[in-house]
Amino acid sequence: PESLTHLRPPHSLGSLGAGSDYASFIHYLGITSMDIAYTYDRNKTSARIYPAYHTAFDTFDYADRFIDPGFTSHQAVARTAGNVLLRLADSLVLPLNVSDYGEKLEELYSVA
């Protein structure tokens, strides 16, 4: 099977957060989840998301005019996620380190 090594950097195992759309999958159902995103250039801004995110101004029109004209970044993220999922679905052996995942789960959900 083809390797996903070219998709690795930068990657990390960590908490997806409690307020996300996918929180219930990992926190309540135990379904492995991932977050794929393109971020801003950290040398130019400390912003993680665009200013209107999850506000009344966060509309299709706003995104099309100011955030991602032509939705090229949206398409890139969707294509990347689709490519990862297709490669994982077609792999005879999943290219994942389950030990790292198990250790991170223990770290994130251990009671101090």
PDB file of N, CA and C in Angstrom:
ATOM      1  N   PRO A   1       0.827  -1.202   0.000  1.00  0.00           N
ATOM      2  CA  PRO A   1       0.000   0.000   0.000  1.00  0.00           C
ATOM      3  C   PRO A   1       0.866   1.258   0.000  1.00  0.00           C
ATOM      4  N   GLU A   2       0.347   2.285  -0.631  1.00  0.00           N
ATOM      5  CA  GLU A   2       1.071   3.551  -0.699  1.00  0.00           C
ATOM      6  C   GLU A   2       1.100   4.222   0.667  1.00  0.00           C
ATOM      7  N   SER A   3       2.222   4.787   1.014  1.00  0.00           N
ATOM      8  CA  SER A   3       2.405   5.409   2.327  1.00  0.00           C
ATOM      9  C   SER A   3       1.839   6.826   2.363  1.00  0.00           C
ATOM     10  N   LEU A   4       1.471   7.256   3.562  1.00  0.00           N
ATOM     11  CA  LEU A   4       0.993   8.617   3.765  1.00  0.00           C
ATOM     12  C   LEU A   4       2.089   9.511   4.329  1.00  0.00           C
ATOM     13  N   THR A   5       3.341   9.086   4.249  1.00  0.00           N
ATOM     14  CA  THR A   5       4.409   9.843   4.889  1.00  0.00           C
ATOM     15  C   THR A   5       4.523  11.258   4.350  1.00  0.00           C
ATOM     16  N   HIS A   6       4.181  11.470   3.090  1.00  0.00           N
ATOM     17  CA  HIS A   6       4.279  12.824   2.545  1.00  0.00           C
ATOM     18  C   HIS A   6       3.213  13.748   3.122  1.00  0.00           C
ATOM     19  N   LEU A   7       2.228  13.218   3.822  1.00  0.00           N
ATOM     20  CA  LEU A   7       1.183  14.027   4.432  1.00  0.00           C
ATOM     21  C   LEU A   7       1.473  14.351   5.891  1.00  0.00           C
ATOM     22  N   ARG A   8       2.560  13.838   6.441  1.00  0.00           N
ATOM     23  CA  ARG A   8       2.800  13.964   7.876  1.00  0.00           C
ATOM     24  C   ARG A   8       3.020  15.387   8.381  1.00  0.00           C
ATOM     25  N   PRO A   9       4.096  16.078   8.030  1.00  0.00           N
ATOM     26  CA  PRO A   9       4.362  17.358   8.696  1.00  0.00           C
ATOM     27  C   PRO A   9       3.401  18.437   8.236  1.00  0.00           C
ATOM     28  N   PRO A  10       3.000  19.376   9.052  1.00  0.00           N
ATOM     29  CA  PRO A  10       3.088  19.262  10.503  1.00  0.00           C
ATOM     30  C   PRO A  10       1.873  18.532  11.028  1.00  0.00           C
ATOM     31  N   HIS A  11       2.060  17.625  11.912  1.00  0.00           N
ATOM     32  CA  HIS A  11       0.941  16.890  12.483  1.00  0.00           C
ATOM     33  C   HIS A  11       1.128  16.798  13.984  1.00  0.00           C
ATOM     34  N   SER A  12       0.061  16.512  14.648  1.00  0.00           N
ATOM     35  CA  SER A  12       0.154  16.334  16.086  1.00  0.00           C
ATOM     36  C   SER A  12      -1.051  15.553  16.567  1.00  0.00           C
ATOM     37  N   LEU A  13      -0.867  14.892  17.667  1.00  0.00           N
ATOM     38  CA  LEU A  13      -1.975  14.234  18.341  1.00  0.00           C
ATOM     39  C   LEU A  13      -2.343  15.106  19.517  1.00  0.00           C
ATOM     40  N   GLY A  14      -3.594  15.415  19.634  1.00  0.00           N
ATOM     41  CA  GLY A  14      -4.008  16.260  20.738  1.00  0.00           C
ATOM     42  C   GLY A  14      -5.516  16.315  20.834  1.00  0.00           C
ATOM     43  N   SER A  15      -5.972  17.095  21.763  1.00  0.00           N
ATOM     44  CA  SER A  15      -7.400  17.259  21.959  1.00  0.00           C
ATOM     45  C   SER A  15      -7.979  18.100  20.831  1.00  0.00           C
ATOM     46  N   LEU A  16      -9.123  17.708  20.328  1.00  0.00           N
ATOM     47  CA  LEU A  16      -9.787  18.471  19.272  1.00  0.00           C
ATOM     48  C   LEU A  16     -10.598  19.620  19.840  1.00  0.00           C
ATOM     49  N   GLY A  17     -10.741  19.663  21.138  1.00  0.00           N
ATOM     50  CA  GLY A  17     -11.500  20.742  21.764  1.00  0.00           C
ATOM     51  C   GLY A  17     -12.938  20.341  22.029  1.00  0.00           C
ATOM     52  N   ALA A  18     -13.540  21.004  22.978  1.00  0.00           N
ATOM     53  CA  ALA A  18     -14.891  20.647  23.395  1.00  0.00           C
ATOM     54  C   ALA A  18     -15.969  21.365  22.598  1.00  0.00           C
ATOM     55  N   GLY A  19     -15.645  22.481  21.963  1.00  0.00           N
ATOM     56  CA  GLY A  19     -16.660  23.267  21.290  1.00  0.00           C
ATOM     57  C   GLY A  19     -16.748  23.026  19.799  1.00  0.00           C
ATOM     58  N   SER A  20     -16.085  22.027  19.302  1.00  0.00           N
ATOM     59  CA  SER A  20     -16.067  21.795  17.868  1.00  0.00           C
ATOM     60  C   SER A  20     -17.266  20.983  17.412  1.00  0.00           C
ATOM     61  N   ASP A  21     -17.479  20.959  16.113  1.00  0.00           N
ATOM     62  CA  ASP A  21     -18.579  20.203  15.526  1.00  0.00           C
ATOM     63  C   ASP A  21     -18.394  18.698  15.684  1.00  0.00           C
ATOM     64  N   TYR A  22     -17.172  18.266  15.841  1.00  0.00           N
ATOM     65  CA  TYR A  22     -16.891  16.832  15.919  1.00  0.00           C
ATOM     66  C   TYR A  22     -16.615  16.344  17.340  1.00  0.00           C
ATOM     67  N   ALA A  23     -16.788  17.200  18.335  1.00  0.00           N
ATOM     68  CA  ALA A  23     -16.471  16.840  19.723  1.00  0.00           C
ATOM     69  C   ALA A  23     -17.234  15.610  20.194  1.00  0.00           C
ATOM     70  N   SER A  24     -18.491  15.503  19.824  1.00  0.00           N
ATOM     71  CA  SER A  24     -19.286  14.366  20.304  1.00  0.00           C
ATOM     72  C   SER A  24     -18.767  13.038  19.767  1.00  0.00           C
ATOM     73  N   PHE A  25     -18.174  13.025  18.584  1.00  0.00           N
ATOM     74  CA  PHE A  25     -17.651  11.786  18.026  1.00  0.00           C
ATOM     75  C   PHE A  25     -16.540  11.220  18.903  1.00  0.00           C
ATOM     76  N   ILE A  26     -15.598  12.063  19.284  1.00  0.00           N
ATOM     77  CA  ILE A  26     -14.470  11.580  20.081  1.00  0.00           C
ATOM     78  C   ILE A  26     -14.802  11.512  21.557  1.00  0.00           C
ATOM     79  N   HIS A  27     -15.476  12.524  22.104  1.00  0.00           N
ATOM     80  CA  HIS A  27     -15.685  12.600  23.548  1.00  0.00           C
ATOM     81  C   HIS A  27     -16.794  11.678  24.053  1.00  0.00           C
ATOM     82  N   TYR A  28     -17.843  11.510  23.287  1.00  0.00           N
ATOM     83  CA  TYR A  28     -18.969  10.706  23.762  1.00  0.00           C
ATOM     84  C   TYR A  28     -19.039   9.332  23.133  1.00  0.00           C
ATOM     85  N   LEU A  29     -18.572   9.206  21.891  1.00  0.00           N
ATOM     86  CA  LEU A  29     -18.694   7.936  21.198  1.00  0.00           C
ATOM     87  C   LEU A  29     -17.367   7.200  21.046  1.00  0.00           C
ATOM     88  N   GLY A  30     -16.252   7.887  21.314  1.00  0.00           N
ATOM     89  CA  GLY A  30     -14.944   7.254  21.203  1.00  0.00           C
ATOM     90  C   GLY A  30     -14.501   7.013  19.777  1.00  0.00           C
ATOM     91  N   ILE A  31     -15.099   7.711  18.828  1.00  0.00           N
ATOM     92  CA  ILE A  31     -14.740   7.551  17.424  1.00  0.00           C
ATOM     93  C   ILE A  31     -13.542   8.439  17.115  1.00  0.00           C
ATOM     94  N   THR A  32     -12.495   7.842  16.575  1.00  0.00           N
ATOM     95  CA  THR A  32     -11.309   8.592  16.218  1.00  0.00           C
ATOM     96  C   THR A  32     -11.686   9.688  15.237  1.00  0.00           C
ATOM     97  N   SER A  33     -11.178  10.883  15.479  1.00  0.00           N
ATOM     98  CA  SER A  33     -11.502  12.031  14.637  1.00  0.00           C
ATOM     99  C   SER A  33     -10.234  12.784  14.288  1.00  0.00           C
ATOM    100  N   MET A  34     -10.312  13.563  13.219  1.00  0.00           N
ATOM    101  CA  MET A  34      -9.157  14.379  12.847  1.00  0.00           C
ATOM    102  C   MET A  34      -9.639  15.748  12.395  1.00  0.00           C
ATOM    103  N   ASP A  35      -8.735  16.696  12.475  1.00  0.00           N
ATOM    104  CA  ASP A  35      -9.008  18.055  12.045  1.00  0.00           C
ATOM    105  C   ASP A  35      -7.961  18.424  11.016  1.00  0.00           C
ATOM    106  N   ILE A  36      -8.402  18.783   9.837  1.00  0.00           N
ATOM    107  CA  ILE A  36      -7.488  19.213   8.785  1.00  0.00           C
ATOM    108  C   ILE A  36      -7.815  20.664   8.492  1.00  0.00           C
ATOM    109  N   ALA A  37      -6.800  21.512   8.520  1.00  0.00           N
ATOM    110  CA  ALA A  37      -7.034  22.933   8.259  1.00  0.00           C
ATOM    111  C   ALA A  37      -5.778  23.584   7.715  1.00  0.00           C
ATOM    112  N   TYR A  38      -5.996  24.571   6.890  1.00  0.00           N
ATOM    113  CA  TYR A  38      -4.906  25.443   6.483  1.00  0.00           C
ATOM    114  C   TYR A  38      -4.989  26.656   7.382  1.00  0.00           C
ATOM    115  N   THR A  39      -3.863  27.109   7.893  1.00  0.00           N
ATOM    116  CA  THR A  39      -3.860  28.234   8.824  1.00  0.00           C
ATOM    117  C   THR A  39      -3.139  29.419   8.203  1.00  0.00           C
ATOM    118  N   TYR A  40      -3.268  30.554   8.862  1.00  0.00           N
ATOM    119  CA  TYR A  40      -2.601  31.760   8.412  1.00  0.00           C
ATOM    120  C   TYR A  40      -1.106  31.646   8.634  1.00  0.00           C
ATOM    121  N   ASP A  41      -0.351  32.445   7.915  1.00  0.00           N
ATOM    122  CA  ASP A  41       1.094  32.519   8.090  1.00  0.00           C
ATOM    123  C   ASP A  41       1.382  33.120   9.465  1.00  0.00           C
ATOM    124  N   ARG A  42       1.955  32.358  10.358  1.00  0.00           N
ATOM    125  CA  ARG A  42       2.214  32.799  11.734  1.00  0.00           C
ATOM    126  C   ARG A  42       3.194  33.973  11.804  1.00  0.00           C
ATOM    127  N   ASN A  43       3.965  34.194  10.749  1.00  0.00           N
ATOM    128  CA  ASN A  43       4.878  35.334  10.710  1.00  0.00           C
ATOM    129  C   ASN A  43       4.153  36.645  10.413  1.00  0.00           C
ATOM    130  N   LYS A  44       2.921  36.529   9.872  1.00  0.00           N
ATOM    131  CA  LYS A  44       2.169  37.721   9.490  1.00  0.00           C
ATOM    132  C   LYS A  44       1.042  38.056  10.459  1.00  0.00           C
ATOM    133  N   THR A  45       0.517  37.062  11.158  1.00  0.00           N
ATOM    134  CA  THR A  45      -0.596  37.315  12.081  1.00  0.00           C
ATOM    135  C   THR A  45      -0.653  36.224  13.140  1.00  0.00           C
ATOM    136  N   SER A  46      -1.218  36.553  14.270  1.00  0.00           N
ATOM    137  CA  SER A  46      -1.417  35.552  15.310  1.00  0.00           C
ATOM    138  C   SER A  46      -2.843  34.992  15.251  1.00  0.00           C
ATOM    139  N   ALA A  47      -3.629  35.448  14.280  1.00  0.00           N
ATOM    140  CA  ALA A  47      -5.019  34.992  14.137  1.00  0.00           C
ATOM    141  C   ALA A  47      -5.053  33.510  13.792  1.00  0.00           C
ATOM    142  N   ARG A  48      -5.917  32.782  14.463  1.00  0.00           N
ATOM    143  CA  ARG A  48      -6.105  31.370  14.165  1.00  0.00           C
ATOM    144  C   ARG A  48      -7.254  31.173  13.194  1.00  0.00           C
ATOM    145  N   ILE A  49      -8.261  32.036  13.316  1.00  0.00           N
ATOM    146  CA  ILE A  49      -9.437  31.959  12.454  1.00  0.00           C
ATOM    147  C   ILE A  49      -9.786  33.357  11.968  1.00  0.00           C
ATOM    148  N   TYR A  50     -10.663  33.446  10.997  1.00  0.00           N
ATOM    149  CA  TYR A  50     -11.031  34.765  10.494  1.00  0.00           C
ATOM    150  C   TYR A  50     -11.976  35.467  11.476  1.00  0.00           C
ATOM    151  N   PRO A  51     -11.992  36.799  11.456  1.00  0.00           N
ATOM    152  CA  PRO A  51     -12.688  37.581  12.488  1.00  0.00           C
ATOM    153  C   PRO A  51     -14.189  37.328  12.631  1.00  0.00           C
ATOM    154  N   ALA A  52     -14.868  36.974  11.568  1.00  0.00           N
ATOM    155  CA  ALA A  52     -16.327  36.804  11.631  1.00  0.00           C
ATOM    156  C   ALA A  52     -16.750  35.376  11.984  1.00  0.00           C
ATOM    157  N   TYR A  53     -15.809  34.506  12.258  1.00  0.00           N
ATOM    158  CA  TYR A  53     -16.100  33.093  12.510  1.00  0.00           C
ATOM    159  C   TYR A  53     -17.151  32.918  13.600  1.00  0.00           C
ATOM    160  N   HIS A  54     -18.205  32.182  13.281  1.00  0.00           N
ATOM    161  CA  HIS A  54     -19.318  31.869  14.182  1.00  0.00           C
ATOM    162  C   HIS A  54     -20.034  33.110  14.711  1.00  0.00           C
ATOM    163  N   THR A  55     -20.095  34.145  13.894  1.00  0.00           N
ATOM    164  CA  THR A  55     -20.879  35.322  14.248  1.00  0.00           C
ATOM    165  C   THR A  55     -22.025  35.435  13.252  1.00  0.00           C
ATOM    166  N   ALA A  56     -22.882  36.418  13.446  1.00  0.00           N
ATOM    167  CA  ALA A  56     -23.993  36.650  12.520  1.00  0.00           C
ATOM    168  C   ALA A  56     -23.483  37.046  11.128  1.00  0.00           C
ATOM    169  N   PHE A  57     -22.240  37.534  11.044  1.00  0.00           N
ATOM    170  CA  PHE A  57     -21.673  37.958   9.763  1.00  0.00           C
ATOM    171  C   PHE A  57     -21.007  36.813   9.002  1.00  0.00           C
ATOM    172  N   ASP A  58     -20.916  35.662   9.610  1.00  0.00           N
ATOM    173  CA  ASP A  58     -20.272  34.497   9.007  1.00  0.00           C
ATOM    174  C   ASP A  58     -21.245  33.850   8.025  1.00  0.00           C
ATOM    175  N   THR A  59     -21.346  34.436   6.845  1.00  0.00           N
ATOM    176  CA  THR A  59     -22.303  33.967   5.837  1.00  0.00           C
ATOM    177  C   THR A  59     -21.558  33.483   4.593  1.00  0.00           C
ATOM    178  N   PHE A  60     -22.284  32.819   3.730  1.00  0.00           N
ATOM    179  CA  PHE A  60     -21.734  32.364   2.461  1.00  0.00           C
ATOM    180  C   PHE A  60     -21.201  33.556   1.676  1.00  0.00           C
ATOM    181  N   ASP A  61     -21.988  34.625   1.612  1.00  0.00           N
ATOM    182  CA  ASP A  61     -21.593  35.816   0.865  1.00  0.00           C
ATOM    183  C   ASP A  61     -20.310  36.430   1.432  1.00  0.00           C
ATOM    184  N   TYR A  62     -20.218  36.538   2.763  1.00  0.00           N
ATOM    185  CA  TYR A  62     -19.021  37.095   3.413  1.00  0.00           C
ATOM    186  C   TYR A  62     -17.789  36.252   3.078  1.00  0.00           C
ATOM    187  N   ALA A  63     -17.929  34.944   3.186  1.00  0.00           N
ATOM    188  CA  ALA A  63     -16.805  34.053   2.883  1.00  0.00           C
ATOM    189  C   ALA A  63     -16.397  34.189   1.419  1.00  0.00           C
ATOM    190  N   ASP A  64     -17.364  34.266   0.534  1.00  0.00           N
ATOM    191  CA  ASP A  64     -17.071  34.369  -0.892  1.00  0.00           C
ATOM    192  C   ASP A  64     -16.414  35.705  -1.240  1.00  0.00           C
ATOM    193  N   ARG A  65     -16.823  36.765  -0.593  1.00  0.00           N
ATOM    194  CA  ARG A  65     -16.273  38.096  -0.902  1.00  0.00           C
ATOM    195  C   ARG A  65     -14.917  38.360  -0.243  1.00  0.00           C
ATOM    196  N   PHE A  66     -14.791  37.996   1.040  1.00  0.00           N
ATOM    197  CA  PHE A  66     -13.628  38.448   1.809  1.00  0.00           C
ATOM    198  C   PHE A  66     -12.681  37.344   2.277  1.00  0.00           C
ATOM    199  N   ILE A  67     -13.194  36.196   2.582  1.00  0.00           N
ATOM    200  CA  ILE A  67     -12.373  35.146   3.193  1.00  0.00           C
ATOM    201  C   ILE A  67     -11.721  34.234   2.161  1.00  0.00           C
ATOM    202  N   ASP A  68     -12.521  33.722   1.250  1.00  0.00           N
ATOM    203  CA  ASP A  68     -12.006  32.737   0.298  1.00  0.00           C
ATOM    204  C   ASP A  68     -12.726  32.879  -1.043  1.00  0.00           C
ATOM    205  N   PRO A  69     -12.430  33.949  -1.797  1.00  0.00           N
ATOM    206  CA  PRO A  69     -13.084  34.138  -3.097  1.00  0.00           C
ATOM    207  C   PRO A  69     -12.892  32.919  -3.996  1.00  0.00           C
ATOM    208  N   GLY A  70     -14.000  32.413  -4.508  1.00  0.00           N
ATOM    209  CA  GLY A  70     -13.942  31.213  -5.336  1.00  0.00           C
ATOM    210  C   GLY A  70     -13.826  29.931  -4.533  1.00  0.00           C
ATOM    211  N   PHE A  71     -13.742  30.049  -3.231  1.00  0.00           N
ATOM    212  CA  PHE A  71     -13.654  28.905  -2.309  1.00  0.00           C
ATOM    213  C   PHE A  71     -12.516  27.956  -2.652  1.00  0.00           C
ATOM    214  N   THR A  72     -11.385  28.516  -3.076  1.00  0.00           N
ATOM    215  CA  THR A  72     -10.243  27.666  -3.421  1.00  0.00           C
ATOM    216  C   THR A  72      -9.617  27.002  -2.198  1.00  0.00           C
ATOM    217  N   SER A  73      -9.539  27.714  -1.073  1.00  0.00           N
ATOM    218  CA  SER A  73      -8.999  27.099   0.143  1.00  0.00           C
ATOM    219  C   SER A  73      -9.939  26.027   0.672  1.00  0.00           C
ATOM    220  N   HIS A  74     -11.232  26.283   0.610  1.00  0.00           N
ATOM    221  CA  HIS A  74     -12.217  25.282   1.024  1.00  0.00           C
ATOM    222  C   HIS A  74     -12.072  24.011   0.184  1.00  0.00           C
ATOM    223  N   GLN A  75     -11.899  24.200  -1.119  1.00  0.00           N
ATOM    224  CA  GLN A  75     -11.732  23.049  -2.006  1.00  0.00           C
ATOM    225  C   GLN A  75     -10.454  22.281  -1.682  1.00  0.00           C
ATOM    226  N   ALA A  76      -9.385  23.002  -1.384  1.00  0.00           N
ATOM    227  CA  ALA A  76      -8.108  22.347  -1.066  1.00  0.00           C
ATOM    228  C   ALA A  76      -8.231  21.493   0.192  1.00  0.00           C
ATOM    229  N   VAL A  77      -8.900  22.014   1.221  1.00  0.00           N
ATOM    230  CA  VAL A  77      -9.086  21.254   2.458  1.00  0.00           C
ATOM    231  C   VAL A  77      -9.953  20.024   2.193  1.00  0.00           C
ATOM    232  N   ALA A  78     -11.042  20.206   1.451  1.00  0.00           N
ATOM    233  CA  ALA A  78     -11.932  19.076   1.145  1.00  0.00           C
ATOM    234  C   ALA A  78     -11.211  18.011   0.329  1.00  0.00           C
ATOM    235  N   ARG A  79     -10.402  18.438  -0.630  1.00  0.00           N
ATOM    236  CA  ARG A  79      -9.662  17.472  -1.453  1.00  0.00           C
ATOM    237  C   ARG A  79      -8.603  16.741  -0.627  1.00  0.00           C
ATOM    238  N   THR A  80      -7.947  17.468   0.269  1.00  0.00           N
ATOM    239  CA  THR A  80      -6.946  16.835   1.136  1.00  0.00           C
ATOM    240  C   THR A  80      -7.602  15.791   2.039  1.00  0.00           C
ATOM    241  N   ALA A  81      -8.708  16.167   2.674  1.00  0.00           N
ATOM    242  CA  ALA A  81      -9.422  15.224   3.546  1.00  0.00           C
ATOM    243  C   ALA A  81      -9.902  14.017   2.746  1.00  0.00           C
ATOM    244  N   GLY A  82     -10.448  14.257   1.573  1.00  0.00           N
ATOM    245  CA  GLY A  82     -10.911  13.150   0.725  1.00  0.00           C
ATOM    246  C   GLY A  82      -9.784  12.233   0.324  1.00  0.00           C
ATOM    247  N   ASN A  83      -8.630  12.802  -0.019  1.00  0.00           N
ATOM    248  CA  ASN A  83      -7.472  12.005  -0.399  1.00  0.00           C
ATOM    249  C   ASN A  83      -6.993  11.144   0.768  1.00  0.00           C
ATOM    250  N   VAL A  84      -6.908  11.739   1.962  1.00  0.00           N
ATOM    251  CA  VAL A  84      -6.495  10.979   3.149  1.00  0.00           C
ATOM    252  C   VAL A  84      -7.468   9.834   3.401  1.00  0.00           C
ATOM    253  N   LEU A  85      -8.765  10.123   3.358  1.00  0.00           N
ATOM    254  CA  LEU A  85      -9.767   9.084   3.632  1.00  0.00           C
ATOM    255  C   LEU A  85      -9.741   7.973   2.585  1.00  0.00           C
ATOM    256  N   LEU A  86      -9.580   8.316   1.319  1.00  0.00           N
ATOM    257  CA  LEU A  86      -9.493   7.286   0.281  1.00  0.00           C
ATOM    258  C   LEU A  86      -8.265   6.407   0.475  1.00  0.00           C
ATOM    259  N   ARG A  87      -7.137   7.026   0.802  1.00  0.00           N
ATOM    260  CA  ARG A  87      -5.917   6.244   1.012  1.00  0.00           C
ATOM    261  C   ARG A  87      -6.031   5.340   2.240  1.00  0.00           C
ATOM    262  N   LEU A  88      -6.640   5.845   3.300  1.00  0.00           N
ATOM    263  CA  LEU A  88      -6.837   5.008   4.485  1.00  0.00           C
ATOM    264  C   LEU A  88      -7.800   3.865   4.187  1.00  0.00           C
ATOM    265  N   ALA A  89      -8.861   4.151   3.454  1.00  0.00           N
ATOM    266  CA  ALA A  89      -9.852   3.119   3.132  1.00  0.00           C
ATOM    267  C   ALA A  89      -9.257   2.021   2.261  1.00  0.00           C
ATOM    268  N   ASP A  90      -8.306   2.366   1.397  1.00  0.00           N
ATOM    269  CA  ASP A  90      -7.712   1.387   0.486  1.00  0.00           C
ATOM    270  C   ASP A  90      -6.471   0.697   1.042  1.00  0.00           C
ATOM    271  N   SER A  91      -6.008   1.099   2.223  1.00  0.00           N
ATOM    272  CA  SER A  91      -4.796   0.510   2.791  1.00  0.00           C
ATOM    273  C   SER A  91      -5.086  -0.850   3.411  1.00  0.00           C
ATOM    274  N   LEU A  92      -4.237  -1.812   3.103  1.00  0.00           N
ATOM    275  CA  LEU A  92      -4.350  -3.121   3.739  1.00  0.00           C
ATOM    276  C   LEU A  92      -3.909  -3.036   5.191  1.00  0.00           C
ATOM    277  N   VAL A  93      -2.888  -2.218   5.442  1.00  0.00           N
ATOM    278  CA  VAL A  93      -2.397  -1.969   6.787  1.00  0.00           C
ATOM    279  C   VAL A  93      -2.432  -0.460   6.991  1.00  0.00           C
ATOM    280  N   LEU A  94      -3.130  -0.025   8.039  1.00  0.00           N
ATOM    281  CA  LEU A  94      -3.249   1.408   8.284  1.00  0.00           C
ATOM    282  C   LEU A  94      -1.903   1.989   8.713  1.00  0.00           C
ATOM    283  N   PRO A  95      -1.473   3.082   8.089  1.00  0.00           N
ATOM    284  CA  PRO A  95      -0.180   3.681   8.418  1.00  0.00           C
ATOM    285  C   PRO A  95      -0.277   4.580   9.646  1.00  0.00           C
ATOM    286  N   LEU A  96      -0.756   4.028  10.736  1.00  0.00           N
ATOM    287  CA  LEU A  96      -0.940   4.780  11.966  1.00  0.00           C
ATOM    288  C   LEU A  96      -0.198   4.098  13.100  1.00  0.00           C
ATOM    289  N   ASN A  97       0.301   4.891  14.026  1.00  0.00           N
ATOM    290  CA  ASN A  97       0.981   4.345  15.187  1.00  0.00           C
ATOM    291  C   ASN A  97      -0.027   4.309  16.340  1.00  0.00           C
ATOM    292  N   VAL A  98      -0.605   3.151  16.588  1.00  0.00           N
ATOM    293  CA  VAL A  98      -1.641   3.041  17.611  1.00  0.00           C
ATOM    294  C   VAL A  98      -1.087   3.222  19.019  1.00  0.00           C
ATOM    295  N   SER A  99       0.210   2.972  19.203  1.00  0.00           N
ATOM    296  CA  SER A  99       0.819   3.204  20.515  1.00  0.00           C
ATOM    297  C   SER A  99       0.797   4.686  20.858  1.00  0.00           C
ATOM    298  N   ASP A 100       1.165   5.541  19.883  1.00  0.00           N
ATOM    299  CA  ASP A 100       1.121   6.986  20.105  1.00  0.00           C
ATOM    300  C   ASP A 100      -0.307   7.435  20.426  1.00  0.00           C
ATOM    301  N   TYR A 101      -1.261   6.887  19.701  1.00  0.00           N
ATOM    302  CA  TYR A 101      -2.665   7.253  19.912  1.00  0.00           C
ATOM    303  C   TYR A 101      -3.131   6.841  21.304  1.00  0.00           C
ATOM    304  N   GLY A 102      -2.803   5.619  21.703  1.00  0.00           N
ATOM    305  CA  GLY A 102      -3.187   5.129  23.030  1.00  0.00           C
ATOM    306  C   GLY A 102      -2.563   5.943  24.146  1.00  0.00           C
ATOM    307  N   GLU A 103      -1.286   6.274  23.992  1.00  0.00           N
ATOM    308  CA  GLU A 103      -0.605   7.088  25.004  1.00  0.00           C
ATOM    309  C   GLU A 103      -1.235   8.476  25.110  1.00  0.00           C
ATOM    310  N   LYS A 104      -1.571   9.062  23.974  1.00  0.00           N
ATOM    311  CA  LYS A 104      -2.191  10.392  23.988  1.00  0.00           C
ATOM    312  C   LYS A 104      -3.584  10.342  24.618  1.00  0.00           C
ATOM    313  N   LEU A 105      -4.358   9.287  24.338  1.00  0.00           N
ATOM    314  CA  LEU A 105      -5.670   9.147  24.962  1.00  0.00           C
ATOM    315  C   LEU A 105      -5.549   9.050  26.470  1.00  0.00           C
ATOM    316  N   GLU A 106      -4.589   8.240  26.928  1.00  0.00           N
ATOM    317  CA  GLU A 106      -4.371   8.117  28.376  1.00  0.00           C
ATOM    318  C   GLU A 106      -4.003   9.465  28.980  1.00  0.00           C
ATOM    319  N   GLU A 107      -3.131  10.199  28.300  1.00  0.00           N
ATOM    320  CA  GLU A 107      -2.708  11.515  28.794  1.00  0.00           C
ATOM    321  C   GLU A 107      -3.873  12.501  28.838  1.00  0.00           C
ATOM    322  N   LEU A 108      -4.684  12.519  27.787  1.00  0.00           N
ATOM    323  CA  LEU A 108      -5.781  13.489  27.699  1.00  0.00           C
ATOM    324  C   LEU A 108      -6.930  13.188  28.649  1.00  0.00           C
ATOM    325  N   TYR A 109      -7.172  11.907  28.916  1.00  0.00           N
ATOM    326  CA  TYR A 109      -8.356  11.547  29.667  1.00  0.00           C
ATOM    327  C   TYR A 109      -8.073  10.937  31.032  1.00  0.00           C
ATOM    328  N   SER A 110      -6.818  11.045  31.483  1.00  0.00           N
ATOM    329  CA  SER A 110      -6.527  10.547  32.816  1.00  0.00           C
ATOM    330  C   SER A 110      -7.025  11.526  33.860  1.00  0.00           C
ATOM    331  N   VAL A 111      -7.452  11.003  34.954  1.00  0.00           N
ATOM    332  CA  VAL A 111      -7.953  11.848  36.040  1.00  0.00           C
ATOM    333  C   VAL A 111      -6.806  12.091  37.000  1.00  0.00           C
ATOM    334  N   ALA A 112      -6.525  13.351  37.240  1.00  0.00           N
ATOM    335  CA  ALA A 112      -5.390  13.689  38.114  1.00  0.00           C
ATOM    336  C   ALA A 112      -5.766  13.553  39.559  1.00  0.00           C
TER     337      ALA A 112
END
